[in-house]
Amino acid sequence: MRAPEGWFVLYQPKYKTPSVFNLHERGRFKTWPAVTKEYGFRLIVNEKFQVKIQYLHLIERDAVDQNTGNRYNYVNQEIFINLMENLALDKEELAGSVPDDDIRNEIIKTHEEWYAANVHLSPDGTIDRPQLEKKLTASINEGKDIIRKKLMRKNNSWVQAALPHLIHDFKHGLYQRMSDKLYPDYTARGGEDTEKGLIKKIFTFYRICECEESDELLKPDGNRWKDEDEIWNCWVGFAGSESEAERVCSTIETIFRPVSEELSGELNSQ
């Protein structure tokens, strides 16, 4: 069970696996799934530095899939408890969302441990926001990195399969028109990869993003991207970092694409 779209795991207790967070996204089951504990909770954060608790509890409840009509007997119930602006836990909201005393006390204890370790106060008694946001940003970046690595693994086979042919054609054709400026442009922007690595990244970008002109976001393997953000995250994963992805794209826009379009124009005029 992933964090909601746009949210990233900030802190999660060390549950033995499989936990409720290892269950599939649909969250409905015909038989009781194998879990070491029927509930779990964790703190999650978004890029606005808002923090809340994601609480999952496997319960017996009849459910019907509206698309298929299939019936299920168990549900991985998902509840969110928002932290207040000062990142304190609203005990009243918690009591309304989690009626079980023992679970509620577990959540309170975990929140207190996280708060004591991560939320520091300035001399005037207010939260040291710069220090806090630095820690939250690190968790957000770690969450993004996990997502991007998963996308790389998921799409690696069809991306890599096309590269040798694409690179071969480029080296024996278009490369001759830009060999004196392609790599220098990249290094001038702070790029540290080799020319060979840059060329591979350029065609990795084109392979991943070649479906963007289609409204259906169809991948070459016949599947579909969820949205353009997923395409970008996959590309960043292959590039190695967001800054490197943006750097390669800048070189493509400045050098690669104009030369490519110039050649296409010449061929069309013949």
C-alpha atoms as a PDB file:
ATOM      1  CA  MET A   1       0.000   0.000   0.000  1.00  0.00           C
ATOM      2  CA  ARG A   2       1.674   3.176  -1.204  1.00  0.00           C
ATOM      3  CA  ALA A   3       1.370   6.590   0.359  1.00  0.00           C
ATOM      4  CA  PRO A   4      -1.277   8.724  -1.411  1.00  0.00           C
ATOM      5  CA  GLU A   5      -0.256  10.550  -4.582  1.00  0.00           C
ATOM      6  CA  GLY A   6       2.004  13.483  -3.708  1.00  0.00           C
ATOM      7  CA  TRP A   7       2.782  12.162  -0.214  1.00  0.00           C
ATOM      8  CA  PHE A   8       5.940  10.437   1.010  1.00  0.00           C
ATOM      9  CA  VAL A   9       6.742   8.263   4.009  1.00  0.00           C
ATOM     10  CA  LEU A  10       8.294  10.355   6.760  1.00  0.00           C
ATOM     11  CA  TYR A  11       8.494   7.769   9.530  1.00  0.00           C
ATOM     12  CA  GLN A  12       7.195   4.224   9.855  1.00  0.00           C
ATOM     13  CA  PRO A  13       7.657   1.876  12.825  1.00  0.00           C
ATOM     14  CA  LYS A  14       9.597  -1.296  12.021  1.00  0.00           C
ATOM     15  CA  TYR A  15       6.760  -3.733  11.431  1.00  0.00           C
ATOM     16  CA  LYS A  16       7.570  -7.353  10.669  1.00  0.00           C
ATOM     17  CA  THR A  17       6.661  -8.242   7.095  1.00  0.00           C
ATOM     18  CA  PRO A  18       4.201  -8.782   5.631  1.00  0.00           C
ATOM     19  CA  SER A  19       2.456  -5.847   7.276  1.00  0.00           C
ATOM     20  CA  VAL A  20      -0.721  -4.056   6.222  1.00  0.00           C
ATOM     21  CA  PHE A  21       1.512  -1.701   4.231  1.00  0.00           C
ATOM     22  CA  ASN A  22       2.646  -4.637   2.069  1.00  0.00           C
ATOM     23  CA  LEU A  23      -0.901  -5.437   0.910  1.00  0.00           C
ATOM     24  CA  HIS A  24      -2.057  -4.455  -2.585  1.00  0.00           C
ATOM     25  CA  GLU A  25      -3.538  -1.066  -3.408  1.00  0.00           C
ATOM     26  CA  ARG A  26      -7.068  -2.314  -3.962  1.00  0.00           C
ATOM     27  CA  GLY A  27      -7.349  -3.111  -0.261  1.00  0.00           C
ATOM     28  CA  ARG A  28     -10.149  -5.701  -0.562  1.00  0.00           C
ATOM     29  CA  PHE A  29      -9.800  -9.442   0.090  1.00  0.00           C
ATOM     30  CA  LYS A  30     -11.984 -12.557  -0.093  1.00  0.00           C
ATOM     31  CA  THR A  31      -9.967 -14.311   2.618  1.00  0.00           C
ATOM     32  CA  TRP A  32      -7.931 -12.914   5.486  1.00  0.00           C
ATOM     33  CA  PRO A  33      -4.502 -12.038   4.037  1.00  0.00           C
ATOM     34  CA  ALA A  34      -1.266 -13.123   5.684  1.00  0.00           C
ATOM     35  CA  VAL A  35      -0.063 -10.237   7.856  1.00  0.00           C
ATOM     36  CA  THR A  36       1.982 -10.168  11.043  1.00  0.00           C
ATOM     37  CA  LYS A  37      -0.232  -7.465  12.531  1.00  0.00           C
ATOM     38  CA  GLU A  38      -3.756  -6.416  11.587  1.00  0.00           C
ATOM     39  CA  TYR A  39      -3.016  -2.690  11.722  1.00  0.00           C
ATOM     40  CA  GLY A  40      -0.222  -0.205  11.185  1.00  0.00           C
ATOM     41  CA  PHE A  41       0.399   3.522  10.992  1.00  0.00           C
ATOM     42  CA  ARG A  42       3.059   5.908   9.746  1.00  0.00           C
ATOM     43  CA  LEU A  43       3.725   9.605   9.321  1.00  0.00           C
ATOM     44  CA  ILE A  44       3.645  10.960   5.765  1.00  0.00           C
ATOM     45  CA  VAL A  45       4.573  14.365   4.338  1.00  0.00           C
ATOM     46  CA  ASN A  46       3.898  16.342   1.159  1.00  0.00           C
ATOM     47  CA  GLU A  47       5.916  19.046  -0.606  1.00  0.00           C
ATOM     48  CA  LYS A  48       4.028  21.778   1.250  1.00  0.00           C
ATOM     49  CA  PHE A  49       5.539  20.294   4.426  1.00  0.00           C
ATOM     50  CA  GLN A  50       2.145  19.181   5.685  1.00  0.00           C
ATOM     51  CA  VAL A  51       2.323  16.071   7.859  1.00  0.00           C
ATOM     52  CA  LYS A  52      -0.373  13.547   8.687  1.00  0.00           C
ATOM     53  CA  ILE A  53      -0.735   9.999   9.953  1.00  0.00           C
ATOM     54  CA  GLN A  54      -1.786   7.223   7.595  1.00  0.00           C
ATOM     55  CA  TYR A  55      -3.504   4.498   9.627  1.00  0.00           C
ATOM     56  CA  LEU A  56      -4.410   1.131   8.076  1.00  0.00           C
ATOM     57  CA  HIS A  57      -6.522  -1.499   9.819  1.00  0.00           C
ATOM     58  CA  LEU A  58      -7.551  -4.833   8.331  1.00  0.00           C
ATOM     59  CA  ILE A  59     -11.182  -5.410   9.262  1.00  0.00           C
ATOM     60  CA  GLU A  60     -14.012  -7.782   8.421  1.00  0.00           C
ATOM     61  CA  ARG A  61     -16.415  -5.879   6.191  1.00  0.00           C
ATOM     62  CA  ASP A  62     -18.406  -6.766   3.084  1.00  0.00           C
ATOM     63  CA  ALA A  63     -17.337  -4.846  -0.010  1.00  0.00           C
ATOM     64  CA  VAL A  64     -18.240  -4.976  -3.703  1.00  0.00           C
ATOM     65  CA  ASP A  65     -16.055  -3.980  -6.650  1.00  0.00           C
ATOM     66  CA  GLN A  66     -18.298  -1.644  -8.662  1.00  0.00           C
ATOM     67  CA  ASN A  67     -16.495  -2.485 -11.921  1.00  0.00           C
ATOM     68  CA  THR A  68     -16.525  -6.280 -11.709  1.00  0.00           C
ATOM     69  CA  GLY A  69     -19.263  -7.007  -9.195  1.00  0.00           C
ATOM     70  CA  ASN A  70     -16.867  -9.216  -7.204  1.00  0.00           C
ATOM     71  CA  ARG A  71     -17.608  -9.462  -3.492  1.00  0.00           C
ATOM     72  CA  TYR A  72     -15.033  -9.299  -0.729  1.00  0.00           C
ATOM     73  CA  ASN A  73     -15.151 -10.037   2.987  1.00  0.00           C
ATOM     74  CA  TYR A  74     -12.196  -8.075   4.319  1.00  0.00           C
ATOM     75  CA  VAL A  75     -11.042  -4.495   3.820  1.00  0.00           C
ATOM     76  CA  ASN A  76      -7.760  -2.745   4.572  1.00  0.00           C
ATOM     77  CA  GLN A  77      -9.393   0.356   6.019  1.00  0.00           C
ATOM     78  CA  GLU A  78      -7.441   3.584   5.523  1.00  0.00           C
ATOM     79  CA  ILE A  79      -7.806   6.588   7.834  1.00  0.00           C
ATOM     80  CA  PHE A  80      -5.857   9.855   7.902  1.00  0.00           C
ATOM     81  CA  ILE A  81      -5.222  11.954  11.010  1.00  0.00           C
ATOM     82  CA  ASN A  82      -3.937  15.452  10.243  1.00  0.00           C
ATOM     83  CA  LEU A  83      -1.305  17.007  12.472  1.00  0.00           C
ATOM     84  CA  MET A  84      -1.845  20.578  13.570  1.00  0.00           C
ATOM     85  CA  GLU A  85       0.189  23.446  12.109  1.00  0.00           C
ATOM     86  CA  ASN A  86       2.743  23.109  14.915  1.00  0.00           C
ATOM     87  CA  LEU A  87       2.924  19.361  14.104  1.00  0.00           C
ATOM     88  CA  ALA A  88       1.264  18.420  17.378  1.00  0.00           C
ATOM     89  CA  LEU A  89      -1.258  15.591  17.410  1.00  0.00           C
ATOM     90  CA  ASP A  90      -4.898  16.608  17.742  1.00  0.00           C
ATOM     91  CA  LYS A  91      -6.028  14.195  20.476  1.00  0.00           C
ATOM     92  CA  GLU A  92      -9.714  14.852  19.801  1.00  0.00           C
ATOM     93  CA  GLU A  93      -9.406  14.064  16.092  1.00  0.00           C
ATOM     94  CA  LEU A  94      -7.366  10.980  16.957  1.00  0.00           C
ATOM     95  CA  ALA A  95      -9.999   9.752  19.422  1.00  0.00           C
ATOM     96  CA  GLY A  96     -12.711  10.205  16.807  1.00  0.00           C
ATOM     97  CA  SER A  97     -10.735   8.301  14.178  1.00  0.00           C
ATOM     98  CA  VAL A  98      -9.210   5.549  16.336  1.00  0.00           C
ATOM     99  CA  PRO A  99     -11.586   4.306  19.055  1.00  0.00           C
ATOM    100  CA  ASP A 100      -9.291   1.513  20.296  1.00  0.00           C
ATOM    101  CA  ASP A 101      -7.370   2.767  23.364  1.00  0.00           C
ATOM    102  CA  ASP A 102      -4.309   0.557  22.872  1.00  0.00           C
ATOM    103  CA  ILE A 103      -3.848   1.486  19.209  1.00  0.00           C
ATOM    104  CA  ARG A 104      -4.444   5.148  19.989  1.00  0.00           C
ATOM    105  CA  ASN A 105      -1.768   5.053  22.706  1.00  0.00           C
ATOM    106  CA  GLU A 106       0.656   3.406  20.263  1.00  0.00           C
ATOM    107  CA  ILE A 107       0.082   6.219  17.789  1.00  0.00           C
ATOM    108  CA  ILE A 108       0.562   8.870  20.481  1.00  0.00           C
ATOM    109  CA  LYS A 109       3.808   7.260  21.669  1.00  0.00           C
ATOM    110  CA  THR A 110       5.184   6.947  18.128  1.00  0.00           C
ATOM    111  CA  HIS A 111       4.291  10.549  17.317  1.00  0.00           C
ATOM    112  CA  GLU A 112       5.945  11.766  20.529  1.00  0.00           C
ATOM    113  CA  GLU A 113       9.144   9.851  19.693  1.00  0.00           C
ATOM    114  CA  TRP A 114       9.242  11.275  16.167  1.00  0.00           C
ATOM    115  CA  TYR A 115       8.457  14.798  17.387  1.00  0.00           C
ATOM    116  CA  ALA A 116      11.168  14.741  20.069  1.00  0.00           C
ATOM    117  CA  ALA A 117      13.790  13.553  17.571  1.00  0.00           C
ATOM    118  CA  ASN A 118      12.902  15.843  14.681  1.00  0.00           C
ATOM    119  CA  VAL A 119      11.104  18.991  15.815  1.00  0.00           C
ATOM    120  CA  HIS A 120      13.422  21.458  17.531  1.00  0.00           C
ATOM    121  CA  LEU A 121      12.462  24.788  19.043  1.00  0.00           C
ATOM    122  CA  SER A 122      14.115  28.166  18.560  1.00  0.00           C
ATOM    123  CA  PRO A 123      15.094  30.240  21.623  1.00  0.00           C
ATOM    124  CA  ASP A 124      11.734  32.035  21.421  1.00  0.00           C
ATOM    125  CA  GLY A 125       9.875  28.726  21.781  1.00  0.00           C
ATOM    126  CA  THR A 126       8.703  28.451  18.174  1.00  0.00           C
ATOM    127  CA  ILE A 127       9.566  25.602  15.812  1.00  0.00           C
ATOM    128  CA  ASP A 128      12.915  25.976  14.044  1.00  0.00           C
ATOM    129  CA  ARG A 129      11.327  25.851  10.574  1.00  0.00           C
ATOM    130  CA  PRO A 130      14.525  25.894   8.457  1.00  0.00           C
ATOM    131  CA  GLN A 131      15.937  22.911  10.316  1.00  0.00           C
ATOM    132  CA  LEU A 132      12.611  21.065  10.221  1.00  0.00           C
ATOM    133  CA  GLU A 133      12.061  21.722   6.515  1.00  0.00           C
ATOM    134  CA  LYS A 134      15.569  20.470   5.788  1.00  0.00           C
ATOM    135  CA  LYS A 135      14.689  17.155   7.437  1.00  0.00           C
ATOM    136  CA  LEU A 136      11.306  16.950   5.734  1.00  0.00           C
ATOM    137  CA  THR A 137      12.904  17.696   2.357  1.00  0.00           C
ATOM    138  CA  ALA A 138      15.359  14.829   2.885  1.00  0.00           C
ATOM    139  CA  SER A 139      12.444  12.440   3.494  1.00  0.00           C
ATOM    140  CA  ILE A 140      10.584  13.754   0.436  1.00  0.00           C
ATOM    141  CA  ASN A 141      13.658  13.311  -1.762  1.00  0.00           C
ATOM    142  CA  GLU A 142      14.182   9.805  -0.416  1.00  0.00           C
ATOM    143  CA  GLY A 143      10.553   8.977  -1.213  1.00  0.00           C
ATOM    144  CA  LYS A 144      10.912  10.317  -4.748  1.00  0.00           C
ATOM    145  CA  ASP A 145      14.080   8.292  -5.222  1.00  0.00           C
ATOM    146  CA  ILE A 146      12.272   5.090  -4.216  1.00  0.00           C
ATOM    147  CA  ILE A 147       9.457   5.812  -6.692  1.00  0.00           C
ATOM    148  CA  ARG A 148      11.919   6.537  -9.507  1.00  0.00           C
ATOM    149  CA  LYS A 149      13.943   3.382  -8.899  1.00  0.00           C
ATOM    150  CA  LYS A 150      10.759   1.305  -9.005  1.00  0.00           C
ATOM    151  CA  LEU A 151       9.808   2.914 -12.320  1.00  0.00           C
ATOM    152  CA  MET A 152      13.281   2.158 -13.680  1.00  0.00           C
ATOM    153  CA  ARG A 153      12.992  -1.519 -12.767  1.00  0.00           C
ATOM    154  CA  LYS A 154       9.477  -1.740 -14.153  1.00  0.00           C
ATOM    155  CA  ASN A 155      10.354  -0.209 -17.538  1.00  0.00           C
ATOM    156  CA  ASN A 156      14.008  -1.146 -17.911  1.00  0.00           C
ATOM    157  CA  SER A 157      13.603  -4.009 -20.404  1.00  0.00           C
ATOM    158  CA  TRP A 158      11.787  -2.094 -23.167  1.00  0.00           C
ATOM    159  CA  VAL A 159      13.844   1.069 -22.640  1.00  0.00           C
ATOM    160  CA  GLN A 160      17.216  -0.682 -22.857  1.00  0.00           C
ATOM    161  CA  ALA A 161      16.227  -2.955 -25.752  1.00  0.00           C
ATOM    162  CA  ALA A 162      15.890  -0.044 -28.191  1.00  0.00           C
ATOM    163  CA  LEU A 163      19.035   1.893 -27.280  1.00  0.00           C
ATOM    164  CA  PRO A 164      21.752   0.036 -29.247  1.00  0.00           C
ATOM    165  CA  HIS A 165      19.934   0.529 -32.563  1.00  0.00           C
ATOM    166  CA  LEU A 166      19.083   4.184 -31.838  1.00  0.00           C
ATOM    167  CA  ILE A 167      22.626   5.018 -30.760  1.00  0.00           C
ATOM    168  CA  HIS A 168      24.172   3.162 -33.726  1.00  0.00           C
ATOM    169  CA  ASP A 169      22.059   5.117 -36.220  1.00  0.00           C
ATOM    170  CA  PHE A 170      22.918   8.391 -34.495  1.00  0.00           C
ATOM    171  CA  LYS A 171      26.678   7.747 -34.415  1.00  0.00           C
ATOM    172  CA  HIS A 172      26.663   6.964 -38.148  1.00  0.00           C
ATOM    173  CA  GLY A 173      24.506   9.895 -39.129  1.00  0.00           C
ATOM    174  CA  LEU A 174      23.331  12.926 -37.182  1.00  0.00           C
ATOM    175  CA  TYR A 175      26.292  12.831 -34.786  1.00  0.00           C
ATOM    176  CA  GLN A 176      28.621  14.158 -37.480  1.00  0.00           C
ATOM    177  CA  ARG A 177      26.665  17.432 -37.564  1.00  0.00           C
ATOM    178  CA  MET A 178      26.922  18.133 -33.846  1.00  0.00           C
ATOM    179  CA  SER A 179      29.997  16.285 -32.586  1.00  0.00           C
ATOM    180  CA  ASP A 180      31.844  19.561 -31.978  1.00  0.00           C
ATOM    181  CA  LYS A 181      29.162  21.123 -29.779  1.00  0.00           C
ATOM    182  CA  LEU A 182      26.937  18.439 -28.217  1.00  0.00           C
ATOM    183  CA  TYR A 183      29.259  17.275 -25.447  1.00  0.00           C
ATOM    184  CA  PRO A 184      30.841  20.722 -24.826  1.00  0.00           C
ATOM    185  CA  ASP A 185      27.361  22.182 -24.253  1.00  0.00           C
ATOM    186  CA  TYR A 186      26.599  19.461 -21.708  1.00  0.00           C
ATOM    187  CA  THR A 187      29.858  19.891 -19.781  1.00  0.00           C
ATOM    188  CA  ALA A 188      29.474  23.679 -19.809  1.00  0.00           C
ATOM    189  CA  ARG A 189      26.213  23.136 -17.913  1.00  0.00           C
ATOM    190  CA  GLY A 190      28.069  21.158 -15.256  1.00  0.00           C
ATOM    191  CA  GLY A 191      27.606  17.673 -16.718  1.00  0.00           C
ATOM    192  CA  GLU A 192      30.152  15.109 -15.528  1.00  0.00           C
ATOM    193  CA  ASP A 193      29.205  12.018 -17.530  1.00  0.00           C
ATOM    194  CA  THR A 194      31.243  10.852 -20.533  1.00  0.00           C
ATOM    195  CA  GLU A 195      30.164  11.679 -24.084  1.00  0.00           C
ATOM    196  CA  LYS A 196      29.098   8.048 -24.472  1.00  0.00           C
ATOM    197  CA  GLY A 197      27.031   8.339 -21.304  1.00  0.00           C
ATOM    198  CA  LEU A 198      25.443  11.577 -22.502  1.00  0.00           C
ATOM    199  CA  ILE A 199      24.417  10.050 -25.832  1.00  0.00           C
ATOM    200  CA  LYS A 200      22.892   7.073 -24.030  1.00  0.00           C
ATOM    201  CA  LYS A 201      20.934   9.429 -21.767  1.00  0.00           C
ATOM    202  CA  ILE A 202      19.664  11.451 -24.737  1.00  0.00           C
ATOM    203  CA  PHE A 203      18.203   8.378 -26.397  1.00  0.00           C
ATOM    204  CA  THR A 204      16.925   7.047 -23.087  1.00  0.00           C
ATOM    205  CA  PHE A 205      15.008  10.315 -22.786  1.00  0.00           C
ATOM    206  CA  TYR A 206      13.555   9.986 -26.278  1.00  0.00           C
ATOM    207  CA  ARG A 207      12.664   6.339 -25.715  1.00  0.00           C
ATOM    208  CA  ILE A 208      10.807   7.098 -22.484  1.00  0.00           C
ATOM    209  CA  CYS A 209       9.144  10.304 -23.647  1.00  0.00           C
ATOM    210  CA  GLU A 210       8.267   9.383 -27.234  1.00  0.00           C
ATOM    211  CA  CYS A 211       4.657   8.722 -26.234  1.00  0.00           C
ATOM    212  CA  GLU A 212       4.042  12.227 -24.833  1.00  0.00           C
ATOM    213  CA  GLU A 213       2.498  13.428 -28.084  1.00  0.00           C
ATOM    214  CA  SER A 214      -0.210  10.796 -27.682  1.00  0.00           C
ATOM    215  CA  ASP A 215      -3.157  11.630 -25.454  1.00  0.00           C
ATOM    216  CA  GLU A 216      -3.289   7.986 -24.437  1.00  0.00           C
ATOM    217  CA  LEU A 217       0.276   8.014 -23.023  1.00  0.00           C
ATOM    218  CA  LEU A 218       0.898   4.609 -24.576  1.00  0.00           C
ATOM    219  CA  LYS A 219       4.267   2.982 -23.871  1.00  0.00           C
ATOM    220  CA  PRO A 220       6.156   1.074 -26.578  1.00  0.00           C
ATOM    221  CA  ASP A 221       5.438  -2.162 -24.662  1.00  0.00           C
ATOM    222  CA  GLY A 222       1.678  -1.641 -24.992  1.00  0.00           C
ATOM    223  CA  ASN A 223       1.032  -0.468 -21.431  1.00  0.00           C
ATOM    224  CA  ARG A 224       0.147   3.096 -20.454  1.00  0.00           C
ATOM    225  CA  TRP A 225       1.760   5.685 -18.270  1.00  0.00           C
ATOM    226  CA  LYS A 226      -0.400   6.951 -15.451  1.00  0.00           C
ATOM    227  CA  ASP A 227       0.344  10.589 -16.277  1.00  0.00           C
ATOM    228  CA  GLU A 228       3.153  12.879 -17.452  1.00  0.00           C
ATOM    229  CA  ASP A 229       4.560  13.097 -13.917  1.00  0.00           C
ATOM    230  CA  GLU A 230       5.182   9.350 -13.993  1.00  0.00           C
ATOM    231  CA  ILE A 231       7.000   9.709 -17.331  1.00  0.00           C
ATOM    232  CA  TRP A 232       9.198  12.455 -15.892  1.00  0.00           C
ATOM    233  CA  ASN A 233       9.945  10.460 -12.725  1.00  0.00           C
ATOM    234  CA  CYS A 234      10.966   7.456 -14.810  1.00  0.00           C
ATOM    235  CA  TRP A 235      13.293   9.631 -16.881  1.00  0.00           C
ATOM    236  CA  VAL A 236      14.826  11.203 -13.755  1.00  0.00           C
ATOM    237  CA  GLY A 237      15.443   7.694 -12.424  1.00  0.00           C
ATOM    238  CA  PHE A 238      17.431   6.761 -15.518  1.00  0.00           C
ATOM    239  CA  ALA A 239      19.240  10.130 -15.573  1.00  0.00           C
ATOM    240  CA  GLY A 240      20.362   9.670 -11.970  1.00  0.00           C
ATOM    241  CA  SER A 241      19.060  12.921 -10.511  1.00  0.00           C
ATOM    242  CA  GLU A 242      16.625  15.711 -11.259  1.00  0.00           C
ATOM    243  CA  SER A 243      19.445  18.170 -11.944  1.00  0.00           C
ATOM    244  CA  GLU A 244      21.058  15.763 -14.426  1.00  0.00           C
ATOM    245  CA  ALA A 245      17.701  15.134 -16.120  1.00  0.00           C
ATOM    246  CA  GLU A 246      17.163  18.876 -16.554  1.00  0.00           C
ATOM    247  CA  ARG A 247      20.758  19.351 -17.752  1.00  0.00           C
ATOM    248  CA  VAL A 248      20.433  16.702 -20.466  1.00  0.00           C
ATOM    249  CA  CYS A 249      17.083  18.162 -21.542  1.00  0.00           C
ATOM    250  CA  SER A 250      18.692  21.607 -21.862  1.00  0.00           C
ATOM    251  CA  THR A 251      21.403  20.202 -24.128  1.00  0.00           C
ATOM    252  CA  ILE A 252      18.741  18.430 -26.190  1.00  0.00           C
ATOM    253  CA  GLU A 253      16.793  21.677 -26.621  1.00  0.00           C
ATOM    254  CA  THR A 254      19.866  23.787 -27.387  1.00  0.00           C
ATOM    255  CA  ILE A 255      21.915  21.472 -29.608  1.00  0.00           C
ATOM    256  CA  PHE A 256      20.348  18.124 -30.435  1.00  0.00           C
ATOM    257  CA  ARG A 257      16.828  19.134 -31.416  1.00  0.00           C
ATOM    258  CA  PRO A 258      17.703  22.153 -33.649  1.00  0.00           C
ATOM    259  CA  VAL A 259      20.286  20.134 -35.609  1.00  0.00           C
ATOM    260  CA  SER A 260      17.860  17.231 -35.937  1.00  0.00           C
ATOM    261  CA  GLU A 261      15.104  19.536 -37.203  1.00  0.00           C
ATOM    262  CA  GLU A 262      17.530  21.217 -39.605  1.00  0.00           C
ATOM    263  CA  LEU A 263      18.403  17.857 -41.160  1.00  0.00           C
ATOM    264  CA  SER A 264      14.733  16.881 -41.401  1.00  0.00           C
ATOM    265  CA  GLY A 265      14.031  20.139 -43.236  1.00  0.00           C
ATOM    266  CA  GLU A 266      16.822  19.461 -45.719  1.00  0.00           C
ATOM    267  CA  LEU A 267      15.571  15.951 -46.410  1.00  0.00           C
ATOM    268  CA  ASN A 268      11.995  17.153 -46.887  1.00  0.00           C
ATOM    269  CA  SER A 269      13.092  19.819 -49.388  1.00  0.00           C
ATOM    270  CA  GLN A 270      14.853  17.329 -51.640  1.00  0.00           C
END
